[in-house]
Protein backbone atom coordinates (compact mmCIF):
# COMPACT_ATOMS: atom_id res chain seq x y z
CA UNK A 1 68.35 25.93 -78.62
CA UNK A 2 68.42 22.10 -78.54
CA UNK A 3 66.08 20.46 -80.70
CA UNK A 4 67.09 16.61 -80.52
CA UNK A 5 64.52 14.71 -78.30
CA UNK A 6 64.92 11.28 -76.52
CA UNK A 7 61.74 9.48 -76.15
CA UNK A 8 61.08 6.45 -73.97
CA UNK A 9 58.57 3.94 -72.15
CA UNK A 10 59.92 2.40 -69.44
CA UNK A 11 59.71 -1.13 -68.03
CA UNK A 12 58.82 -1.42 -64.67
CA UNK A 13 58.69 -5.08 -64.67
CA UNK A 14 62.04 -5.60 -65.62
CA UNK A 15 61.26 -8.20 -68.54
CA UNK A 16 62.89 -6.48 -71.39
CA UNK A 17 59.91 -4.51 -72.67
CA UNK A 18 61.26 -1.01 -72.48
CA UNK A 19 61.75 0.91 -75.55
CA UNK A 20 63.54 3.84 -76.76
CA UNK A 21 62.99 6.66 -79.78
CA UNK A 22 65.28 9.69 -80.87
CA UNK A 23 63.94 12.25 -82.69
CA UNK A 24 66.67 14.24 -85.10
CA UNK A 25 65.76 16.85 -87.85
CA UNK A 26 62.00 16.12 -86.86
CA UNK A 27 62.23 12.47 -87.51
CA UNK A 28 61.90 9.90 -85.16
CA UNK A 29 63.05 6.32 -85.37
CA UNK A 30 63.31 3.78 -82.64
CA UNK A 31 66.86 2.66 -80.94
CA UNK A 32 68.15 0.04 -78.69
CA UNK A 33 69.37 1.04 -75.24
CA UNK A 34 73.08 0.26 -76.37
CA UNK A 35 72.61 2.95 -79.06
CA UNK A 36 71.11 5.34 -76.83
CA UNK A 37 74.42 5.20 -74.59
CA UNK A 38 76.27 6.41 -77.59
CA UNK A 39 74.41 9.64 -78.20
CA UNK A 40 76.17 12.82 -78.16
CA UNK A 41 75.09 16.44 -77.49
CA UNK A 42 71.85 17.63 -75.88
CA UNK A 43 68.79 15.47 -75.61
CA UNK A 44 65.38 17.08 -74.77
CA UNK A 45 63.61 14.34 -72.59
CA UNK A 46 61.24 13.78 -69.45
CA UNK A 47 61.46 12.18 -66.05
CA UNK A 48 65.24 11.40 -66.24
CA UNK A 49 65.15 9.78 -62.89
CA UNK A 50 63.11 6.94 -64.21
CA UNK A 51 65.07 6.83 -67.33
CA UNK A 52 68.38 6.17 -65.47
CA UNK A 53 66.82 3.61 -63.56
CA UNK A 54 65.83 2.03 -66.74
CA UNK A 55 69.17 2.39 -68.28
CA UNK A 56 71.05 0.72 -65.48
CA UNK A 57 68.82 -2.17 -65.72
CA UNK A 58 69.82 -2.46 -69.44
CA UNK A 59 73.80 -1.89 -67.96
CA UNK A 60 73.98 1.36 -70.44
CA UNK A 61 75.42 4.79 -69.02
CA UNK A 62 73.09 7.62 -69.88
CA UNK A 63 74.27 10.06 -72.42
CA UNK A 64 76.01 13.23 -70.75
CA UNK A 65 73.47 15.55 -72.30
CA UNK A 66 70.22 14.80 -70.87
CA UNK A 67 68.01 17.80 -70.47
CA UNK A 68 64.58 16.92 -68.44
CA UNK A 69 61.82 19.24 -69.46
CA UNK A 70 60.17 18.49 -66.25
CA UNK A 71 62.55 20.47 -64.30
CA UNK A 72 62.06 23.50 -66.79
CA UNK A 73 58.53 23.30 -66.21
CA UNK A 74 59.32 23.18 -62.20
CA UNK A 75 61.29 26.36 -62.27
CA UNK A 76 58.75 27.79 -64.59
CA UNK A 77 55.85 27.47 -62.00
CA UNK A 78 57.54 29.45 -59.20
CA UNK A 79 55.16 27.74 -56.31
CA UNK A 80 56.01 25.23 -53.90
CA UNK A 81 54.41 22.04 -53.03
CA UNK A 82 52.24 23.45 -50.22
CA UNK A 83 50.89 26.14 -52.71
CA UNK A 84 49.47 23.73 -55.03
CA UNK A 85 52.64 23.85 -57.40
CA UNK A 86 53.18 20.05 -57.98
CA UNK A 87 49.78 19.94 -60.09
CA UNK A 88 51.16 22.93 -62.17
CA UNK A 89 54.60 21.11 -62.67
CA UNK A 90 53.28 17.55 -63.53
CA UNK A 91 54.67 16.83 -66.81
CA UNK A 92 51.98 14.93 -68.16
CA UNK A 93 49.41 17.32 -67.20
CA UNK A 94 51.54 19.83 -69.29
CA UNK A 95 51.88 17.67 -72.30
CA UNK A 96 48.28 16.73 -72.42
CA UNK A 97 47.07 19.80 -74.35
CA UNK A 98 49.82 19.33 -76.96
CA UNK A 99 48.30 16.20 -78.55
CA UNK A 100 46.01 16.43 -81.12
CA UNK A 101 44.24 13.34 -79.83
CA UNK A 102 43.61 12.94 -75.76
CA UNK A 103 43.76 9.03 -76.67
CA UNK A 104 47.20 9.13 -77.75
CA UNK A 105 48.01 11.21 -74.63
CA UNK A 106 46.45 8.74 -72.38
CA UNK A 107 48.19 5.70 -74.36
CA UNK A 108 51.52 7.48 -73.83
CA UNK A 109 51.01 8.28 -70.16
CA UNK A 110 49.70 4.62 -69.46
CA UNK A 111 52.71 3.22 -71.36
CA UNK A 112 54.93 5.29 -69.11
CA UNK A 113 53.48 4.07 -66.05
CA UNK A 114 53.46 0.29 -66.99
CA UNK A 115 49.82 0.08 -67.37
CA UNK A 116 49.03 0.24 -71.12
CA UNK A 117 48.79 -2.19 -73.77
CA UNK A 118 51.46 -4.45 -74.97
CA UNK A 119 53.63 -3.34 -77.73
CA UNK A 120 52.35 -5.77 -79.98
CA UNK A 121 48.89 -4.07 -79.73
CA UNK A 122 50.14 -0.73 -81.01
CA UNK A 123 51.85 0.85 -83.77
CA UNK A 124 54.92 1.84 -82.23
CA UNK A 125 55.98 4.10 -85.07
CA UNK A 126 52.67 6.15 -84.88
CA UNK A 127 53.12 6.05 -81.22
CA UNK A 128 56.51 8.07 -81.30
CA UNK A 129 55.77 10.09 -83.98
CA UNK A 130 52.58 11.41 -81.82
CA UNK A 131 54.66 11.61 -78.64
CA UNK A 132 57.62 13.42 -80.41
CA UNK A 133 55.37 16.05 -82.02
CA UNK A 134 53.43 16.68 -78.54
CA UNK A 135 57.04 17.10 -76.69
CA UNK A 136 58.15 19.16 -79.45
CA UNK A 137 55.38 21.48 -78.96
CA UNK A 138 55.50 21.40 -75.21
CA UNK A 139 59.24 22.51 -75.51
CA UNK A 140 58.70 25.48 -77.64
CA UNK A 141 55.99 26.67 -75.06
CA UNK A 142 58.40 26.21 -72.22
CA UNK A 143 61.35 27.79 -73.77
CA UNK A 144 59.18 30.77 -74.20
CA UNK A 145 57.75 30.90 -70.88
CA UNK A 146 61.48 30.42 -69.45
CA UNK A 147 62.37 33.63 -71.32
CA UNK A 148 58.99 35.27 -70.36
CA UNK A 149 59.66 34.66 -66.57
CA UNK A 150 63.37 35.39 -66.65
CA UNK A 151 64.39 31.87 -66.01
CA UNK A 152 66.12 30.90 -69.21
CA UNK A 153 69.61 31.87 -68.10
CA UNK A 154 69.27 30.12 -64.46
CA UNK A 155 67.87 26.91 -66.06
CA UNK A 156 70.73 26.59 -68.67
CA UNK A 157 73.64 27.85 -66.87
CA UNK A 158 72.93 26.57 -63.43
CA UNK A 159 70.58 23.84 -63.39
CA UNK A 160 70.94 21.85 -66.51
CA UNK A 161 74.88 21.47 -65.53
CA UNK A 162 74.14 20.53 -61.97
CA UNK A 163 71.65 17.99 -62.87
CA UNK A 164 74.08 16.28 -65.32
CA UNK A 165 76.47 15.55 -61.94
CA UNK A 166 73.45 14.14 -60.30
CA UNK A 167 72.47 11.95 -63.13
CA UNK A 168 76.04 10.38 -63.28
CA UNK A 169 75.76 9.71 -59.77
CA UNK A 170 72.36 8.29 -59.60
CA UNK A 171 73.62 5.91 -62.28
CA UNK A 172 76.82 4.98 -60.67
CA UNK A 173 75.44 4.59 -56.90
CA UNK A 174 77.07 5.20 -53.73
CA UNK A 175 79.00 2.75 -51.73
CA UNK A 176 77.75 1.27 -48.59
CA UNK A 177 79.64 -0.62 -45.68
CA UNK A 178 77.23 -3.60 -45.09
CA UNK A 179 78.77 -4.34 -41.95
CA UNK A 180 78.78 -0.72 -40.52
CA UNK A 181 75.25 -0.77 -41.43
CA UNK A 182 74.25 -3.37 -39.41
CA UNK A 183 75.80 -2.05 -36.40
CA UNK A 184 74.12 1.26 -37.03
CA UNK A 185 70.79 -0.25 -37.36
CA UNK A 186 71.13 -1.79 -33.83
CA UNK A 187 72.04 1.45 -32.36
CA UNK A 188 69.12 3.64 -34.22
CA UNK A 189 66.49 0.98 -33.37
CA UNK A 190 67.55 1.19 -29.84
CA UNK A 191 67.60 4.88 -29.91
CA UNK A 192 63.91 4.87 -31.47
CA UNK A 193 62.61 2.71 -29.06
CA UNK A 194 63.77 4.72 -26.15
CA UNK A 195 62.09 7.78 -27.83
CA UNK A 196 59.15 6.02 -28.29
CA UNK A 197 58.70 5.23 -24.67
CA UNK A 198 59.38 8.85 -23.73
CA UNK A 199 56.88 10.14 -26.22
CA UNK A 200 54.33 7.60 -25.14
CA UNK A 201 54.51 8.67 -21.39
CA UNK A 202 54.18 12.16 -22.35
CA UNK A 203 50.74 11.70 -24.27
CA UNK A 204 49.73 8.72 -22.56
CA UNK A 205 49.05 7.02 -25.88
CA UNK A 206 50.98 5.03 -28.25
CA UNK A 207 52.92 7.36 -30.81
CA UNK A 208 52.95 4.85 -33.48
CA UNK A 209 51.99 6.24 -36.75
CA UNK A 210 52.31 9.98 -35.41
CA UNK A 211 54.33 12.75 -37.36
CA UNK A 212 54.62 16.57 -37.26
CA UNK A 213 51.46 16.79 -39.28
CA UNK A 214 48.89 14.83 -37.17
CA UNK A 215 50.76 15.23 -33.25
CA UNK A 216 48.73 18.45 -32.92
CA UNK A 217 45.85 16.86 -30.98
CA UNK A 218 48.28 15.12 -28.49
CA UNK A 219 50.13 18.46 -27.70
CA UNK A 220 47.55 20.19 -25.22
CA UNK A 221 48.88 18.20 -22.02
CA UNK A 222 52.59 18.09 -22.89
CA UNK A 223 55.10 20.86 -21.55
CA UNK A 224 55.18 22.03 -25.32
CA UNK A 225 51.60 22.96 -25.81
CA UNK A 226 51.47 26.23 -24.11
CA UNK A 227 54.37 27.39 -25.96
CA UNK A 228 52.84 26.92 -29.54
CA UNK A 229 52.59 29.73 -31.64
CA UNK A 230 50.38 30.25 -34.45
CA UNK A 231 51.00 33.84 -35.68
CA UNK A 232 54.33 33.64 -37.18
CA UNK A 233 53.71 31.27 -40.09
CA UNK A 234 56.47 28.85 -38.47
CA UNK A 235 55.57 24.96 -38.91
CA UNK A 236 55.04 22.94 -35.91
CA UNK A 237 58.53 21.01 -36.82
CA UNK A 238 60.15 24.18 -36.71
CA UNK A 239 58.80 25.37 -33.51
CA UNK A 240 59.80 21.83 -31.71
CA UNK A 241 63.05 22.07 -32.85
CA UNK A 242 63.61 25.24 -31.49
CA UNK A 243 61.92 24.43 -28.21
CA UNK A 244 64.00 21.15 -27.64
CA UNK A 245 66.30 22.79 -25.01
CA UNK A 246 62.98 24.13 -22.61
CA UNK A 247 60.53 21.01 -23.35
CA UNK A 248 61.27 17.26 -22.47
CA UNK A 249 58.34 16.42 -24.93
CA UNK A 250 59.88 18.64 -28.17
CA UNK A 251 63.13 16.91 -27.38
CA UNK A 252 61.82 13.52 -27.14
CA UNK A 253 59.41 13.99 -30.05
CA UNK A 254 62.15 15.28 -32.54
CA UNK A 255 64.41 12.26 -31.34
CA UNK A 256 61.57 9.66 -32.14
CA UNK A 257 61.23 11.45 -35.44
CA UNK A 258 64.92 11.29 -36.49
CA UNK A 259 65.60 7.90 -34.94
CA UNK A 260 62.40 6.77 -36.97
CA UNK A 261 64.07 8.26 -40.39
CA UNK A 262 67.35 6.82 -39.45
CA UNK A 263 65.96 3.43 -39.05
CA UNK A 264 64.04 3.76 -42.34
CA UNK A 265 67.27 4.87 -44.11
CA UNK A 266 69.45 2.30 -42.78
CA UNK A 267 67.04 -0.40 -43.29
CA UNK A 268 66.82 0.52 -47.09
CA UNK A 269 70.90 0.60 -46.91
CA UNK A 270 70.83 -2.90 -45.32
CA UNK A 271 69.30 -4.42 -48.40
CA UNK A 272 71.38 -2.63 -50.68
CA UNK A 273 73.96 -5.39 -51.20
CA UNK A 274 76.60 -2.87 -50.65
CA UNK A 275 75.83 -0.33 -53.17
CA UNK A 276 72.59 2.19 -53.20
CA UNK A 277 70.93 3.99 -56.09
CA UNK A 278 69.15 7.02 -54.60
CA UNK A 279 67.14 9.37 -56.57
CA UNK A 280 68.29 12.86 -57.25
CA UNK A 281 65.75 15.59 -57.27
CA UNK A 282 67.53 18.58 -58.91
CA UNK A 283 65.23 21.29 -57.90
CA UNK A 284 63.94 19.49 -55.30
CA UNK A 285 62.84 22.39 -53.18
CA UNK A 286 61.04 25.91 -54.24
CA UNK A 287 64.40 27.20 -53.25
CA UNK A 288 66.02 25.01 -55.81
CA UNK A 289 67.81 23.12 -53.04
CA UNK A 290 68.85 19.54 -54.37
CA UNK A 291 66.77 16.62 -52.52
CA UNK A 292 67.53 13.01 -52.65
CA UNK A 293 65.34 10.22 -51.93
CA UNK A 294 64.94 6.39 -51.78
CA UNK A 295 66.88 6.64 -49.36
CA UNK A 296 67.13 9.78 -48.22
CA UNK A 297 70.60 9.84 -47.48
CA UNK A 298 70.66 13.88 -46.90
CA UNK A 299 68.69 13.25 -43.55
CA UNK A 300 70.81 10.37 -42.33
CA UNK A 301 72.41 11.91 -38.81
CA UNK A 302 75.67 12.59 -38.53
CA UNK A 303 76.31 9.49 -36.27
CA UNK A 304 75.39 7.05 -38.84
CA UNK A 305 76.94 8.58 -42.13
CA UNK A 306 80.07 6.71 -41.70
CA UNK A 307 77.92 3.65 -43.04
CA UNK A 308 78.65 5.27 -46.65
CA UNK A 309 82.05 4.39 -48.24
CA UNK A 310 83.77 5.51 -51.35
CA UNK A 311 84.76 3.77 -54.46
CA UNK A 312 87.72 1.17 -54.20
CA UNK A 313 91.12 2.92 -53.86
CA UNK A 314 89.32 6.06 -52.80
CA UNK A 315 88.63 8.01 -49.75
CA UNK A 316 85.74 10.22 -48.53
CA UNK A 317 86.08 13.89 -47.83
CA UNK A 318 83.27 16.29 -46.91
CA UNK A 319 83.27 20.04 -47.66
CA UNK A 320 80.82 22.03 -45.53
CA UNK A 321 80.28 25.83 -45.80
CA UNK A 322 80.36 27.40 -42.35
CA UNK A 323 77.21 29.90 -41.45
CA UNK A 324 76.05 29.77 -45.03
CA UNK A 325 72.85 31.35 -44.42
CA UNK A 326 74.12 34.54 -42.30
CA UNK A 327 77.20 34.81 -44.77
CA UNK A 328 74.31 35.14 -47.81
CA UNK A 329 72.12 37.36 -45.51
CA UNK A 330 75.00 39.73 -44.55
CA UNK A 331 75.99 40.04 -48.05
CA UNK A 332 72.42 40.68 -49.44
CA UNK A 333 71.47 43.27 -46.79
CA UNK A 334 74.43 45.07 -47.18
CA UNK A 335 74.81 45.33 -43.28
CA UNK A 336 78.29 46.47 -42.55
CA UNK A 337 78.39 45.28 -39.12
CA UNK A 338 76.90 41.81 -39.60
CA UNK A 339 79.36 41.36 -42.72
CA UNK A 340 82.33 42.21 -40.36
CA UNK A 341 81.28 39.93 -37.88
CA UNK A 342 80.82 37.06 -40.26
CA UNK A 343 84.26 37.90 -41.90
CA UNK A 344 86.10 37.99 -38.67
CA UNK A 345 84.24 35.55 -36.31
CA UNK A 346 81.15 33.30 -35.63
CA UNK A 347 77.67 34.62 -36.00
CA UNK A 348 76.22 31.91 -33.83
CA UNK A 349 78.74 31.81 -31.17
CA UNK A 350 78.57 35.61 -30.81
CA UNK A 351 74.86 35.25 -30.06
CA UNK A 352 75.42 32.39 -27.81
CA UNK A 353 77.76 34.75 -25.94
CA UNK A 354 75.24 37.74 -25.75
CA UNK A 355 72.26 35.71 -24.64
CA UNK A 356 74.05 32.97 -22.02
CA UNK A 357 77.42 34.61 -21.55
CA UNK A 358 79.49 31.72 -22.98
CA UNK A 359 79.76 29.64 -26.33
CA UNK A 360 77.98 26.49 -25.40
CA UNK A 361 74.58 27.31 -26.76
CA UNK A 362 75.73 27.83 -30.29
CA UNK A 363 73.57 25.02 -31.87
CA UNK A 364 70.22 26.70 -30.06
CA UNK A 365 71.79 29.88 -31.21
CA UNK A 366 71.85 29.10 -34.74
CA UNK A 367 68.31 28.27 -34.44
CA UNK A 368 67.48 31.42 -32.85
CA UNK A 369 69.27 33.34 -35.42
CA UNK A 370 67.68 31.71 -38.44
CA UNK A 371 64.16 31.95 -37.00
CA UNK A 372 64.39 35.70 -36.14
CA UNK A 373 66.14 36.26 -39.74
CA UNK A 374 63.26 34.07 -41.35
CA UNK A 375 60.33 36.16 -39.57
CA UNK A 376 59.62 34.66 -36.17
CA UNK A 377 58.77 37.38 -33.71
CA UNK A 378 61.04 37.72 -30.46
CA UNK A 379 57.79 36.65 -28.63
CA UNK A 380 57.34 33.75 -30.63
CA UNK A 381 61.15 32.58 -30.02
CA UNK A 382 60.99 33.21 -26.39
CA UNK A 383 57.69 31.50 -25.68
CA UNK A 384 59.49 28.38 -27.05
CA UNK A 385 62.84 28.60 -25.16
CA UNK A 386 61.59 29.02 -21.63
CA UNK A 387 58.61 28.57 -19.52
CA UNK A 388 59.68 31.14 -16.81
CA UNK A 389 58.72 34.75 -17.50
CA UNK A 390 61.69 36.55 -16.13
CA UNK A 391 63.93 34.19 -18.25
CA UNK A 392 61.88 35.10 -21.29
CA UNK A 393 62.21 38.63 -20.79
CA UNK A 394 65.94 38.42 -20.36
CA UNK A 395 66.41 36.08 -23.58
CA UNK A 396 64.04 38.56 -25.35
CA UNK A 397 65.98 41.71 -24.27
CA UNK A 398 68.94 39.88 -25.48
CA UNK A 399 67.69 38.67 -28.95
CA UNK A 400 66.57 42.14 -29.52
CA UNK A 401 69.75 44.00 -28.38
CA UNK A 402 71.89 41.70 -30.77
CA UNK A 403 69.80 42.24 -33.77
CA UNK A 404 69.66 45.82 -33.19
CA UNK A 405 73.30 46.12 -34.08
CA UNK A 406 72.27 45.18 -37.52
CA UNK A 407 69.80 47.98 -38.69
CA UNK A 408 70.14 46.72 -42.32
CA UNK A 409 68.50 43.09 -41.70
CA UNK A 410 65.39 44.88 -40.84
CA UNK A 411 65.38 46.87 -44.12
CA UNK A 412 66.20 44.01 -45.89
CA UNK A 413 63.23 41.79 -44.81
CA UNK A 414 60.88 44.81 -45.38
CA UNK A 415 62.10 45.33 -48.81
CA UNK A 416 61.51 41.47 -49.68
CA UNK A 417 57.93 41.72 -48.14
CA UNK A 418 57.36 44.97 -50.16
CA UNK A 419 58.50 43.48 -53.35
CA UNK A 420 56.26 40.21 -52.88
CA UNK A 421 53.35 42.35 -51.88
CA UNK A 422 53.53 44.68 -54.74
CA UNK A 423 55.23 42.46 -57.56
CA UNK A 424 53.74 39.20 -56.64
CA UNK A 425 56.95 37.46 -56.42
CA UNK A 426 60.64 37.30 -55.22
CA UNK A 427 63.65 35.98 -56.92
CA UNK A 428 67.31 35.33 -56.43
CA UNK A 429 70.44 37.12 -58.09
CA UNK A 430 69.75 34.76 -60.88
CA UNK A 431 66.22 33.55 -61.49
CA UNK A 432 64.47 31.17 -59.31
CA UNK A 433 61.09 32.93 -58.51
CA UNK A 434 58.90 32.11 -56.13
CA UNK A 435 55.18 33.68 -56.71
CA UNK A 436 52.43 34.14 -54.15
CA UNK A 437 49.05 32.86 -54.68
CA UNK A 438 46.85 35.57 -53.01
CA UNK A 439 46.59 39.12 -53.15
CA UNK A 440 46.43 42.14 -50.79
CA UNK A 441 48.17 41.97 -47.40
CA UNK A 442 50.61 39.13 -46.75
CA UNK A 443 50.04 36.21 -44.60
CA UNK A 444 52.32 35.33 -41.66
CA UNK A 445 53.74 32.43 -43.79
CA UNK A 446 54.07 34.83 -46.80
CA UNK A 447 56.19 37.04 -44.74
CA UNK A 448 58.46 34.43 -43.76
CA UNK A 449 59.07 32.71 -47.26
CA UNK A 450 59.63 36.27 -48.95
CA UNK A 451 62.80 36.21 -46.98
CA UNK A 452 63.67 32.60 -46.78
CA UNK A 453 63.07 32.43 -50.61
CA UNK A 454 65.72 34.94 -51.18
CA UNK A 455 68.31 33.63 -48.73
CA UNK A 456 67.82 29.93 -49.41
CA UNK A 457 67.37 30.47 -53.05
CA UNK A 458 70.83 32.38 -53.26
CA UNK A 459 72.41 29.84 -51.07
CA UNK A 460 71.24 27.08 -53.42
CA UNK A 461 72.72 29.26 -56.57
CA UNK A 462 75.93 29.74 -54.61
CA UNK A 463 76.15 26.12 -54.05
CA UNK A 464 75.30 24.63 -57.32
CA UNK A 465 77.83 27.37 -59.02
CA UNK A 466 80.52 25.80 -57.03
CA UNK A 467 79.61 22.16 -57.48
CA UNK A 468 79.63 23.05 -61.41
CA UNK A 469 83.05 24.40 -61.25
CA UNK A 470 84.17 21.60 -58.76
CA UNK A 471 82.62 18.93 -61.56
CA UNK A 472 84.80 20.91 -64.36
CA UNK A 473 87.76 20.51 -62.34
CA UNK A 474 87.73 16.90 -60.79
CA UNK A 475 85.34 15.14 -63.00
CA UNK A 476 81.59 13.92 -62.43
CA UNK A 477 82.73 10.70 -60.29
CA UNK A 478 84.46 13.06 -57.68
CA UNK A 479 81.15 14.01 -56.56
CA UNK A 480 78.91 11.57 -54.35
CA UNK A 481 76.38 13.78 -52.63
CA UNK A 482 75.32 17.13 -51.82
CA UNK A 483 74.18 17.49 -48.06
CA UNK A 484 72.54 20.84 -47.52
CA UNK A 485 75.27 23.29 -47.75
CA UNK A 486 77.95 20.89 -48.16
CA UNK A 487 79.20 18.33 -50.46
CA UNK A 488 80.47 14.53 -50.07
CA UNK A 489 83.30 13.89 -52.30
CA UNK A 490 85.66 11.04 -53.09
CA UNK A 491 89.62 11.10 -54.23
CA UNK A 492 92.50 8.82 -54.16
CA UNK A 493 94.83 9.33 -51.18
CA UNK A 494 97.56 10.67 -52.87
CA UNK A 495 95.18 13.47 -54.32
CA UNK A 496 93.58 14.43 -50.86
CA UNK A 497 95.81 17.59 -50.16
CA UNK A 498 95.62 18.95 -53.32
CA UNK A 499 91.67 18.30 -53.83
CA UNK A 500 90.90 19.81 -50.51
CA UNK A 501 92.61 23.07 -51.02
CA UNK A 502 91.28 23.35 -54.57
CA UNK A 503 87.71 22.45 -53.58
CA UNK A 504 87.94 24.82 -50.65
CA UNK A 505 89.14 27.76 -52.85
CA UNK A 506 86.47 26.94 -55.58
CA UNK A 507 83.57 27.21 -52.86
CA UNK A 508 85.14 30.27 -51.27
CA UNK A 509 85.46 32.15 -54.90
CA UNK A 510 81.91 30.94 -55.80
CA UNK A 511 80.50 32.55 -52.65
CA UNK A 512 82.74 36.01 -53.29
CA UNK A 513 81.20 36.08 -56.91
CA UNK A 514 77.72 36.11 -56.14
CA UNK A 515 78.25 37.92 -52.54
CA UNK A 516 81.06 40.05 -52.76
CA UNK A 517 82.48 41.19 -49.84
CA UNK A 518 82.10 37.93 -47.98
CA UNK A 519 84.91 36.07 -46.80
CA UNK A 520 83.45 32.67 -46.83
CA UNK A 521 84.99 29.82 -44.60
CA UNK A 522 84.68 26.00 -45.67
CA UNK A 523 85.43 22.99 -43.20
CA UNK A 524 86.96 20.16 -44.68
CA UNK A 525 86.51 16.73 -42.80
CA UNK A 526 84.66 13.65 -42.03
CA UNK A 527 81.43 12.73 -43.62
CA UNK A 528 80.36 11.33 -40.00
CA UNK A 529 81.42 9.94 -36.72
CA UNK A 530 83.53 6.67 -36.67
């Protein structure tokens, strides 16, 4: 296990007050930012996102071997933010019990947050010594916990090397085309304004400040209100997205929310002066999906993605797993019929043909397929899809007939629920547990995530496994941004053909490594529309 540690106190005001120290062989010593950039090997540290921003201000690239203990704690916790996980994976809260004096802990936290005394007022040597001792104790406890809960291999083999890719990109940043941002911002703002007007008409009130969490009281008088489901453990956001084809309010509100987010992101890019430095969260969700914030580039809709640009002399190329989750589900369930359908056709298109007699409703059927797979009842689905009773019955019968073709799917979901109920957790093929808070019968929400954690957690595993192999082959600078089940890369023009073929093959073989029998398809193309 690595024993070297990197300690730091950031300078949030940019006045040159940052401090760095390393611990080697149990001895701590203060170093300069320039010396930090020369470090080799693995270094245990904390809050790497803040550290990278600090090093950028110092114009020093981060060491390659950074290991964020905060990420290990998050993996150990096994709880989502909604289940109270955030308080459990908080680094400073975990570190507190390992100080021999709470005053020293409070000082360390205040200095990290930029609200402590000046460095002239404290004994720097004593400060770093006490912080190093506490961090060493926390690391010992953390590695033991990783072993105890079966997450050690996942952390070192998957999460640490994936994080290294993102840390490099956070420091390097991503190019932005200012002229394209301005034009896109005008379009997005207009779309937001139109959607705002529509929502205001439906609820007879200003939608300013409304979101998925506080719009509930306004729904009763809309064409969506009667369709809401409270029994399937599905969030209001998921229900609104499923109801878009049948509810004008749902369609308008979704557009208002999406356009608002587009405007927020584009405004941030408009102030970036040609380059943006987003924060990467390697274990951003309970299923270990990576999230990107400040700005939330992953959530920028395809229409506006063309505002991002490759580095000079490079071009963008986008690789996306096709039908990722159905492929994972087919393999994990072992349902031969679904495996055959996935390998030889398009699952979402097949459902569209089964329900509507054509392939024109593929996007809607993608939402239907995932809703049913993650536990929404057929009645809950049809209630959101139509206000007509006869049409509901017809769609419901079609959904049941379609999924009856795959008997192992139901068994797979029941097995996941049984594991959660009896053991108190579900996990992927390699760690990444999710632990329930209660006992006894599962709630509707728990039944849903029992399945989704396994499917999405394994999807994350496959994607990160592929990303590590891509970085090994083409280098860290080739990877710009993960987008759900896809990756945005850059390459020189003359390397495009070879990279497109090799990356596609790496992604396919990573899928097959974890999900034997699955013949994954990877689409290659532009990141957005021009």
